[in-house]
Protein backbone atom coordinates (compact mmCIF):
# COMPACT_ATOMS: atom_id res chain seq x y z
CA MET A 1 0.00 0.00 0.00
CA ARG A 2 0.99 3.62 -0.49
CA LYS A 3 -0.41 6.61 1.29
CA GLU A 4 -1.96 9.45 -0.68
CA HIS A 5 -3.65 12.57 0.58
CA ASP A 6 -5.95 15.31 -0.61
CA PHE A 7 -7.27 18.27 1.36
CA LEU A 8 -9.81 15.98 3.08
CA GLY A 9 -7.14 13.73 4.51
CA GLU A 10 -5.05 10.63 3.85
CA LEU A 11 -6.00 7.21 2.47
CA ASP A 12 -4.18 3.95 1.81
CA VAL A 13 -4.05 3.14 -1.90
CA PRO A 14 -3.07 -0.31 -3.25
CA ASP A 15 0.40 0.04 -4.68
CA ASP A 16 -0.39 -1.88 -7.86
CA VAL A 17 -3.09 0.50 -9.09
CA TYR A 18 -2.56 3.68 -11.10
CA TYR A 19 -5.50 5.61 -9.70
CA GLY A 20 -5.28 7.47 -6.43
CA VAL A 21 -6.98 8.98 -3.43
CA GLN A 22 -9.69 10.96 -5.22
CA THR A 23 -10.71 7.90 -7.24
CA LEU A 24 -10.99 5.87 -4.05
CA ARG A 25 -13.28 8.46 -2.53
CA ALA A 26 -15.50 8.35 -5.61
CA VAL A 27 -15.70 4.55 -5.52
CA GLU A 28 -16.81 4.76 -1.91
CA ASN A 29 -19.30 7.60 -2.45
CA PHE A 30 -20.97 6.57 -5.71
CA ARG A 31 -22.23 3.01 -5.65
CA ILE A 32 -25.13 3.48 -8.03
CA THR A 33 -25.17 1.34 -11.18
CA GLY A 34 -22.63 -1.31 -10.31
CA GLN A 35 -20.97 -0.51 -13.62
CA LYS A 36 -17.77 1.22 -14.63
CA VAL A 37 -17.31 4.12 -17.03
CA ASP A 38 -17.71 3.08 -20.66
CA SER A 39 -14.32 2.09 -22.11
CA ASP A 40 -14.91 4.25 -25.21
CA PHE A 41 -15.44 7.20 -22.86
CA VAL A 42 -12.19 6.40 -21.04
CA GLN A 43 -10.29 6.46 -24.32
CA SER A 44 -12.10 9.62 -25.42
CA MET A 45 -11.07 11.40 -22.21
CA ALA A 46 -7.50 10.23 -22.80
CA LYS A 47 -7.62 11.90 -26.24
CA VAL A 48 -8.82 15.13 -24.63
CA LYS A 49 -6.01 14.94 -22.06
CA LYS A 50 -3.43 14.27 -24.77
CA ALA A 51 -4.67 17.29 -26.72
CA ALA A 52 -4.51 19.44 -23.59
CA ALA A 53 -0.98 18.32 -22.77
CA LEU A 54 0.20 19.03 -26.32
CA ALA A 55 -1.45 22.45 -26.30
CA ASN A 56 0.17 23.24 -22.93
CA LEU A 57 3.55 22.13 -24.27
CA ALA A 58 3.10 24.54 -27.17
CA THR A 59 2.62 27.48 -24.80
CA GLY A 60 5.79 26.59 -22.89
CA ARG A 61 3.88 26.39 -19.62
CA MET A 62 4.07 22.59 -19.35
CA PRO A 63 7.58 21.28 -18.54
CA GLU A 64 8.76 19.38 -21.61
CA GLU A 65 9.66 16.11 -19.86
CA ILE A 66 6.43 15.96 -17.89
CA GLY A 67 4.29 16.85 -20.90
CA ARG A 68 5.86 14.16 -23.05
CA LEU A 69 5.33 11.56 -20.33
CA LEU A 70 1.66 12.53 -19.99
CA VAL A 71 1.21 12.26 -23.76
CA ALA A 72 2.86 8.81 -23.74
CA ALA A 73 0.60 7.67 -20.88
CA ALA A 74 -2.46 8.97 -22.72
CA ASP A 75 -1.37 7.10 -25.86
CA GLU A 76 -1.31 3.86 -23.89
CA ILE A 77 -4.90 4.35 -22.74
CA ILE A 78 -5.98 5.32 -26.26
CA ALA A 79 -4.40 2.04 -27.40
CA GLY A 80 -6.59 0.13 -24.94
CA LYS A 81 -4.20 -0.33 -22.03
CA MET A 82 -5.04 0.28 -18.34
CA LEU A 83 -8.79 0.37 -19.00
CA ASP A 84 -9.26 -1.57 -15.76
CA GLN A 85 -7.89 1.43 -13.84
CA PHE A 86 -11.15 3.38 -14.06
CA PRO A 87 -13.45 1.96 -11.38
CA VAL A 88 -15.68 5.01 -10.79
CA ASP A 89 -19.42 4.64 -11.30
CA PRO A 90 -20.70 6.36 -14.46
CA ILE A 91 -23.43 8.12 -12.47
CA GLN A 92 -21.65 10.36 -10.00
CA GLY A 93 -22.04 13.69 -8.29
CA GLY A 94 -19.64 16.53 -8.99
CA ALA A 95 -20.36 17.00 -12.71
CA GLY A 96 -17.80 14.34 -13.61
CA THR A 97 -14.97 15.54 -11.37
CA SER A 98 -14.38 12.01 -10.08
CA PHE A 99 -13.84 10.63 -13.57
CA ASN A 100 -11.68 13.60 -14.57
CA MET A 101 -9.47 13.10 -11.51
CA ASN A 102 -9.44 9.33 -12.03
CA MET A 103 -7.94 10.02 -15.46
CA ASN A 104 -5.50 12.62 -14.10
CA GLU A 105 -4.29 10.21 -11.41
CA VAL A 106 -3.80 7.32 -13.82
CA LEU A 107 -1.93 9.50 -16.30
CA CYS A 108 0.34 10.98 -13.65
CA ASN A 109 1.09 7.71 -11.87
CA ARG A 110 1.89 6.02 -15.16
CA ALA A 111 4.08 9.00 -16.10
CA LEU A 112 5.85 8.70 -12.75
CA GLU A 113 6.39 4.98 -13.34
CA MET A 114 7.79 5.60 -16.83
CA SER A 115 10.24 8.12 -15.37
CA GLY A 116 11.41 5.62 -12.76
CA LYS A 117 9.61 7.29 -9.85
CA GLU A 118 7.20 5.79 -7.34
CA LYS A 119 3.46 6.12 -7.81
CA GLY A 120 1.92 8.80 -5.65
CA ARG A 121 4.87 11.22 -5.93
CA TYR A 122 2.57 14.06 -6.85
CA ASP A 123 5.22 16.54 -5.78
CA ILE A 124 6.96 15.55 -9.03
CA ILE A 125 4.03 15.03 -11.41
CA SER A 126 0.71 16.26 -10.07
CA PRO A 127 -2.82 15.23 -11.15
CA ASN A 128 -4.03 18.76 -10.43
CA ASN A 129 -1.06 20.88 -11.48
CA HIS A 130 0.05 18.89 -14.54
CA GLY A 131 -2.69 16.40 -15.50
CA ASN A 132 -5.30 19.14 -15.18
CA MET A 133 -3.22 22.11 -16.39
CA ALA A 134 -5.36 24.87 -18.00
CA GLN A 135 -8.36 22.59 -17.57
CA SER A 136 -11.42 21.96 -15.45
CA THR A 137 -13.80 19.04 -15.30
CA ASN A 138 -16.26 21.59 -16.67
CA ASP A 139 -14.53 21.70 -20.04
CA THR A 140 -12.79 18.32 -20.31
CA PHE A 141 -15.78 16.19 -19.28
CA PRO A 142 -18.34 17.55 -21.80
CA THR A 143 -15.66 17.59 -24.51
CA ALA A 144 -14.86 13.93 -23.85
CA ILE A 145 -18.59 13.15 -24.06
CA LYS A 146 -18.67 14.76 -27.50
CA VAL A 147 -15.61 12.85 -28.68
CA CYS A 148 -17.12 9.59 -27.41
CA LEU A 149 -20.53 10.24 -28.97
CA SER A 150 -18.88 10.98 -32.29
CA PHE A 151 -16.97 7.70 -32.11
CA LYS A 152 -20.00 5.63 -31.14
CA ALA A 153 -22.22 7.35 -33.69
CA LYS A 154 -20.06 5.95 -36.49
CA LYS A 155 -20.90 2.42 -35.34
CA LEU A 156 -24.59 3.22 -34.97
CA ILE A 157 -24.79 4.91 -38.37
CA ALA A 158 -22.98 1.95 -39.95
CA ALA A 159 -25.53 -0.42 -38.39
CA LEU A 160 -28.46 1.68 -39.60
CA ASP A 161 -26.92 1.89 -43.06
CA ARG A 162 -26.69 -1.92 -43.13
CA LEU A 163 -30.35 -2.08 -42.15
CA ALA A 164 -31.44 0.40 -44.82
CA THR A 165 -29.33 -1.33 -47.47
CA GLU A 166 -30.78 -4.75 -46.68
CA LEU A 167 -34.31 -3.34 -46.71
CA GLU A 168 -33.58 -1.82 -50.11
CA LYS A 169 -32.44 -5.24 -51.34
CA LYS A 170 -35.69 -6.75 -50.06
CA SER A 171 -37.62 -3.96 -51.75
CA GLU A 172 -36.10 -5.02 -55.05
CA GLU A 173 -36.47 -8.72 -54.35
CA PHE A 174 -40.12 -8.45 -53.27
CA GLY A 175 -41.04 -5.84 -55.86
CA GLU A 176 -43.62 -7.96 -57.71
CA ILE A 177 -45.32 -9.53 -54.69
CA ILE A 178 -48.79 -8.04 -54.35
CA LYS A 179 -50.42 -7.93 -50.91
CA MET A 180 -53.15 -6.07 -49.11
CA GLY A 181 -52.33 -2.72 -47.64
CA ARG A 182 -54.00 -2.01 -44.32
CA THR A 183 -55.11 1.15 -42.53
CA HIS A 184 -56.76 1.14 -39.09
CA LEU A 185 -55.81 -2.58 -39.08
CA GLN A 186 -58.50 -3.01 -41.75
CA ASP A 187 -58.19 -3.98 -45.40
CA ALA A 188 -57.30 -0.95 -47.52
CA VAL A 189 -55.96 -1.20 -51.07
CA PRO A 190 -53.19 -3.37 -52.54
CA ILE A 191 -49.52 -2.59 -52.18
CA THR A 192 -46.44 -4.62 -53.01
CA LEU A 193 -44.30 -6.15 -50.32
CA GLY A 194 -41.38 -4.45 -52.02
CA GLN A 195 -43.03 -1.04 -51.62
CA GLU A 196 -43.43 -1.69 -47.90
CA MET A 197 -39.78 -2.67 -47.55
CA GLY A 198 -38.77 0.45 -49.48
CA SER A 199 -40.77 2.63 -47.11
CA TYR A 200 -38.97 1.13 -44.11
CA ALA A 201 -35.63 1.77 -45.79
CA SER A 202 -36.58 5.39 -46.46
CA SER A 203 -37.51 5.98 -42.82
CA VAL A 204 -34.23 4.46 -41.62
CA ARG A 205 -32.27 6.69 -44.01
CA ARG A 206 -34.07 9.68 -42.50
CA GLY A 207 -33.01 8.53 -39.03
CA ILE A 208 -29.39 8.36 -40.18
CA LYS A 209 -29.58 11.97 -41.38
CA ARG A 210 -31.04 13.08 -38.04
CA ILE A 211 -28.25 11.44 -36.09
CA GLU A 212 -25.52 12.69 -38.44
CA HIS A 213 -26.76 16.25 -38.16
CA ALA A 214 -27.06 16.17 -34.37
CA VAL A 215 -23.58 14.70 -33.95
CA SER A 216 -22.04 17.21 -36.37
CA GLU A 217 -23.40 20.03 -34.20
CA ILE A 218 -21.56 18.84 -31.06
CA HIS A 219 -18.13 19.27 -32.63
CA THR A 220 -18.08 22.72 -31.06
CA VAL A 221 -16.29 22.48 -27.69
CA ASN A 222 -15.59 24.65 -24.65
CA MET A 223 -11.99 23.56 -24.06
CA GLY A 224 -10.03 26.40 -22.51
CA GLY A 225 -13.08 27.74 -20.72
CA THR A 226 -11.95 26.00 -17.51
CA ALA A 227 -14.41 26.43 -14.61
CA VAL A 228 -17.18 28.68 -15.94
CA GLY A 229 -16.12 29.48 -19.49
CA THR A 230 -14.03 32.58 -18.72
CA GLY A 231 -10.71 30.82 -19.29
CA LEU A 232 -9.30 31.38 -15.81
CA ASN A 233 -5.82 29.78 -15.48
CA ALA A 234 -5.58 29.01 -19.21
CA GLU A 235 -3.10 30.71 -21.51
CA PRO A 236 -4.71 32.62 -24.43
CA LYS A 237 -2.54 30.64 -26.84
CA TYR A 238 -3.77 27.42 -25.25
CA ILE A 239 -7.40 28.48 -25.67
CA GLU A 240 -6.70 29.38 -29.27
CA ASN A 241 -5.01 26.10 -30.15
CA VAL A 242 -6.49 23.32 -28.00
CA ALA A 243 -9.45 22.57 -30.31
CA LYS A 244 -7.06 22.33 -33.27
CA THR A 245 -4.86 19.97 -31.27
CA LEU A 246 -7.91 17.86 -30.36
CA SER A 247 -8.76 17.69 -34.06
CA GLU A 248 -5.29 16.34 -34.79
CA VAL A 249 -5.53 13.77 -31.99
CA THR A 250 -8.99 12.51 -32.95
CA GLY A 251 -8.82 12.86 -36.73
CA GLU A 252 -12.05 14.86 -36.67
CA THR A 253 -12.66 18.59 -36.87
CA TYR A 254 -13.44 20.32 -33.57
CA ARG A 255 -13.67 24.04 -33.08
CA THR A 256 -13.82 26.32 -30.06
CA ALA A 257 -17.26 27.77 -29.36
CA ASP A 258 -17.79 31.43 -30.22
CA ASN A 259 -19.25 31.87 -26.74
CA ILE A 260 -17.39 29.53 -24.42
CA ILE A 261 -19.50 30.51 -21.42
CA ASP A 262 -22.64 29.44 -23.27
CA ALA A 263 -20.92 26.19 -24.31
CA THR A 264 -20.01 25.52 -20.68
CA ASN A 265 -23.42 26.07 -19.10
CA ASN A 266 -25.74 24.73 -21.83
CA THR A 267 -26.06 21.10 -22.94
CA ASP A 268 -28.88 21.31 -25.49
CA GLY A 269 -26.62 19.69 -28.09
CA PHE A 270 -26.83 16.49 -26.06
CA ALA A 271 -30.61 16.74 -26.12
CA ASP A 272 -30.44 16.90 -29.93
CA VAL A 273 -28.32 13.75 -30.14
CA SER A 274 -30.54 11.85 -27.71
CA SER A 275 -33.70 13.02 -29.45
CA ALA A 276 -32.35 11.93 -32.83
CA MET A 277 -31.82 8.44 -31.43
CA LYS A 278 -35.28 8.46 -29.84
CA ASN A 279 -36.96 9.49 -33.09
CA THR A 280 -35.09 6.78 -34.94
CA ALA A 281 -36.15 4.28 -32.28
CA LEU A 282 -39.79 5.24 -32.83
CA VAL A 283 -39.44 4.44 -36.54
CA LEU A 284 -37.77 1.11 -35.75
CA ILE A 285 -40.54 0.17 -33.31
CA LYS A 286 -43.16 0.71 -36.00
CA MET A 287 -41.16 -1.38 -38.48
CA ALA A 288 -40.56 -4.22 -35.99
CA ASN A 289 -44.26 -4.28 -35.07
CA ASP A 290 -45.22 -4.54 -38.74
CA PHE A 291 -42.83 -7.46 -39.19
CA ARG A 292 -44.27 -9.21 -36.14
CA MET A 293 -47.85 -8.79 -37.39
CA MET A 294 -47.06 -9.78 -40.98
CA ALA A 295 -45.40 -12.92 -39.61
CA SER A 296 -48.23 -13.70 -37.20
CA GLY A 297 -49.73 -17.18 -37.23
CA PRO A 298 -48.56 -19.22 -38.95
CA ARG A 299 -52.01 -20.82 -39.25
CA CYS A 300 -54.20 -18.25 -37.55
CA GLY A 301 -52.55 -14.93 -38.41
CA PHE A 302 -51.53 -12.92 -41.48
CA TYR A 303 -48.47 -15.10 -42.21
CA GLU A 304 -47.32 -12.91 -45.10
CA LEU A 305 -43.68 -13.14 -43.95
CA LYS A 306 -41.63 -16.15 -42.94
CA LEU A 307 -39.08 -15.14 -40.30
CA PRO A 308 -35.95 -17.22 -39.69
CA MET A 309 -36.52 -19.62 -36.78
CA ARG A 310 -34.06 -18.70 -34.06
CA GLN A 311 -35.15 -20.54 -30.92
CA PRO A 312 -38.04 -22.52 -29.40
CA GLY A 313 -40.79 -20.13 -28.41
CA SER A 314 -42.38 -21.80 -25.44
CA SER A 315 -41.55 -23.87 -22.41
CA ILE A 316 -44.96 -25.58 -22.64
CA MET A 317 -46.20 -25.40 -26.26
CA PRO A 318 -44.23 -27.76 -28.55
CA GLY A 319 -43.33 -26.41 -31.98
CA LYS A 320 -44.04 -22.76 -31.16
CA VAL A 321 -41.54 -20.23 -32.58
CA ASN A 322 -41.72 -16.56 -31.65
CA PRO A 323 -40.46 -13.43 -33.49
CA VAL A 324 -37.81 -12.89 -30.82
CA ILE A 325 -35.45 -10.76 -32.92
CA ALA A 326 -38.18 -8.24 -33.73
CA GLU A 327 -39.27 -8.33 -30.08
CA VAL A 328 -35.81 -7.53 -28.79
CA LEU A 329 -35.48 -4.63 -31.24
CA ASN A 330 -38.76 -3.28 -29.84
CA GLN A 331 -37.54 -3.57 -26.25
CA THR A 332 -34.20 -1.97 -27.05
CA CYS A 333 -36.00 0.98 -28.60
CA TYR A 334 -38.20 1.33 -25.51
CA GLN A 335 -35.02 1.61 -23.44
CA VAL A 336 -33.64 4.27 -25.80
CA ILE A 337 -36.85 6.27 -25.33
CA GLY A 338 -36.54 5.96 -21.55
CA ASN A 339 -32.88 7.01 -21.74
CA ASP A 340 -33.91 10.08 -23.72
CA LEU A 341 -36.22 11.15 -20.91
CA ALA A 342 -33.34 10.90 -18.42
CA VAL A 343 -31.17 12.99 -20.75
CA SER A 344 -33.96 15.56 -21.06
CA PHE A 345 -34.26 15.90 -17.30
CA GLY A 346 -30.49 16.31 -17.10
CA VAL A 347 -30.39 19.01 -19.77
CA GLU A 348 -33.10 21.09 -18.13
CA ASN A 349 -31.49 20.93 -14.68
CA GLY A 350 -28.40 23.00 -15.30
CA GLN A 351 -28.04 26.03 -13.06
CA PHE A 352 -26.16 29.23 -13.81
CA GLU A 353 -22.68 28.55 -15.26
CA LEU A 354 -22.69 24.74 -15.27
CA ASN A 355 -24.90 21.72 -15.80
CA VAL A 356 -23.77 19.26 -13.13
CA MET A 357 -26.01 16.49 -14.53
CA GLU A 358 -23.71 15.61 -17.42
CA PRO A 359 -22.73 12.18 -15.98
CA VAL A 360 -26.28 10.84 -16.26
CA MET A 361 -26.62 12.34 -19.74
CA ALA A 362 -23.42 10.62 -20.86
CA PHE A 363 -24.40 7.30 -19.28
CA ASN A 364 -27.76 7.21 -21.03
CA MET A 365 -26.58 8.48 -24.41
CA PHE A 366 -23.70 5.98 -24.50
CA ASN A 367 -26.06 3.16 -23.53
CA SER A 368 -28.54 4.20 -26.21
CA MET A 369 -25.88 4.14 -28.89
CA ASN A 370 -24.48 0.80 -27.72
CA TYR A 371 -27.87 -0.88 -27.36
CA LEU A 372 -29.29 0.43 -30.61
CA THR A 373 -26.18 -0.53 -32.57
CA ASN A 374 -26.31 -4.08 -31.22
CA ALA A 375 -30.04 -4.50 -31.72
CA VAL A 376 -30.02 -3.16 -35.29
CA ASN A 377 -27.10 -5.38 -36.27
CA GLY A 378 -28.89 -8.33 -34.70
CA PHE A 379 -32.08 -7.54 -36.62
CA VAL A 380 -30.18 -7.48 -39.91
CA ASP A 381 -28.13 -10.62 -39.25
CA LYS A 382 -30.70 -12.80 -37.55
CA LEU A 383 -33.97 -11.72 -39.18
CA LEU A 384 -33.74 -9.56 -42.28
CA VAL A 385 -31.07 -11.45 -44.25
CA GLY A 386 -33.04 -14.70 -43.99
CA LEU A 387 -36.49 -13.14 -44.42
CA GLN A 388 -38.77 -14.92 -46.89
CA PRO A 389 -42.14 -13.83 -48.31
CA ASN A 390 -45.20 -16.06 -48.25
CA THR A 391 -46.26 -15.12 -51.77
CA GLU A 392 -49.27 -17.43 -51.85
CA GLN A 393 -50.71 -16.09 -48.64
CA CYS A 394 -50.17 -12.49 -49.74
CA GLN A 395 -52.13 -13.19 -52.93
CA ALA A 396 -54.85 -15.06 -51.04
CA TRP A 397 -55.57 -12.03 -48.85
CA VAL A 398 -55.81 -9.84 -51.96
CA ASP A 399 -58.23 -12.29 -53.57
CA LYS A 400 -60.43 -12.38 -50.47
CA SER A 401 -60.44 -8.65 -49.83
CA VAL A 402 -63.12 -6.22 -50.94
CA GLY A 403 -60.62 -3.39 -50.57
CA ILE A 404 -59.64 -3.68 -54.22
CA VAL A 405 -63.03 -2.23 -55.10
CA THR A 406 -61.43 1.20 -54.60
CA ALA A 407 -59.65 0.70 -57.93
CA LEU A 408 -63.07 0.59 -59.61
CA LEU A 409 -64.11 4.11 -58.59
CA PRO A 410 -62.98 5.86 -61.82
CA HIS A 411 -64.78 3.21 -63.88
CA VAL A 412 -68.12 2.46 -62.19
CA GLY A 413 -68.48 5.33 -59.69
CA TYR A 414 -68.64 5.46 -55.90
CA GLU A 415 -72.24 4.25 -55.51
CA ASN A 416 -71.74 1.13 -57.63
CA SER A 417 -68.40 0.45 -55.93
CA ALA A 418 -70.02 0.69 -52.49
CA MET A 419 -72.83 -1.64 -53.59
CA LEU A 420 -70.34 -4.18 -54.92
CA ALA A 421 -68.27 -4.06 -51.73
CA LYS A 422 -71.32 -4.55 -49.53
CA GLU A 423 -72.61 -7.50 -51.53
CA ALA A 424 -69.21 -9.18 -51.66
CA TYR A 425 -68.76 -8.68 -47.92
CA ASN A 426 -72.21 -9.98 -47.00
CA SER A 427 -72.10 -12.97 -49.34
CA GLY A 428 -68.48 -13.89 -48.76
CA ARG A 429 -67.96 -14.14 -52.49
CA PRO A 430 -64.88 -12.79 -54.32
CA ILE A 431 -65.32 -9.23 -55.53
CA ARG A 432 -64.40 -10.23 -59.09
CA GLU A 433 -67.29 -12.69 -59.20
CA VAL A 434 -69.81 -10.08 -58.07
CA ILE A 435 -68.56 -7.50 -60.60
CA LEU A 436 -68.84 -9.90 -63.53
CA GLU A 437 -72.25 -11.09 -62.39
CA LYS A 438 -73.54 -7.50 -62.42
CA GLY A 439 -72.12 -6.98 -65.89
CA LEU A 440 -70.54 -3.67 -64.96
CA LEU A 441 -67.20 -4.51 -66.56
CA THR A 442 -65.85 -7.06 -68.99
CA GLN A 443 -63.37 -9.70 -67.92
CA GLU A 444 -60.65 -8.05 -70.02
CA LYS A 445 -61.27 -4.60 -68.56
CA LEU A 446 -61.43 -5.98 -65.03
CA ASP A 447 -58.13 -7.80 -65.46
CA LYS A 448 -56.46 -4.56 -66.51
CA ILE A 449 -57.92 -2.55 -63.62
CA LEU A 450 -57.09 -5.15 -60.98
CA ALA A 451 -53.66 -6.04 -62.33
CA PRO A 452 -51.07 -5.83 -59.49
CA ARG A 453 -48.97 -3.14 -61.19
CA ALA A 454 -52.04 -1.09 -62.07
CA MET A 455 -53.24 -1.10 -58.47
CA THR A 456 -49.86 -0.12 -57.01
CA THR A 457 -48.47 2.36 -59.57
CA PRO A 458 -50.01 5.80 -60.09
CA GLY A 459 -51.19 6.75 -63.56
CA ILE A 460 -51.61 3.37 -65.23
CA VAL A 461 -54.90 2.09 -63.74
CA GLY A 462 -57.07 0.65 -66.51
CA GLN A 463 -54.52 1.23 -69.27
């Protein structure tokens, strides 16, 4: 054990760990989720710290040897090392100070070790004086959130793009399969299964654009603002250059906010990102529900789709198979919606020059991105790729429906169409049979009007 102290007193710290006294206090104080900070967030904070160290080296304020050691330690974390050295709970009081100091302690103790010094020798390399130079939790923590969200968003957008692409393939593949469209859960007019798949793809593409736009807007950062955005204890040259340095470290373009005080005390950009995910989740819920209903049965439901069989569906009913992949996508999206509410509460509860609720915002946004990415990839791999149409059943519902009578309106008028629909419904006879019996249209004309392409493509009905 080694002894470390802060202004609250002294604690024993295991000698084999790189974190220190302030991390230990946080572990003791914040036992909330039972989880640790997201590893992507750890690496994102290390990128912020590397950028800060490089910017401080450029001003001449950071001693060269210490700065280079801090950069080297940060590079190790960015490479995936020492990720087990961040035990603080992701939901924590203090606006993220515990995580910021956890990072500072790990960086400094690793730097001390690399220089041949003992861990805990903060008189040589200090978490506060060197690890946190020209910084505050209030600028590093939200900046690291933005870096992490940008990283995770790439994975989510890639998953959604896979989904949209596969739906577009199904749209092409199922393009000639006629089926009944439904409104109010009642028979409406025909549509092709391909058209339905294309509509799902279009809605997913719209979700991608929402997320891309929201994430692009959070590339404005408040680095150099320090505690309240005024830049206290930061060199003007540091403030001018740190966003450029962060851009070089991350490979993305970040810029310093025009009003750093505003960027320090407002977190509405996070609300935009969370809302974009929520809105996309709403679209996915609708799609998954449609798949579940179209696959219902198989004997006593619509059974227009054949989903891949993934696991037995019941502990008591032999042979039952459930649409589990669509169900889990639904449930994931419900969680994303709940996470968005937590983010919304966090955003609205900032006071004066800081929003101290950023930890819960980060926790929920990161979870939403992780969960949604996994669920969407699972939906593509385990359901959509192996999806098969039940062409015969789709056609059977069209043949039985009276909804196709709508296509007759331009040819026999509304009153005759209503009469035909009523008689077909009451008698249970096919609508074609009733039309021919009444002599309102010839067989040839009827075939043209009720041809699948004519009923699903504007401008060619009856031609």
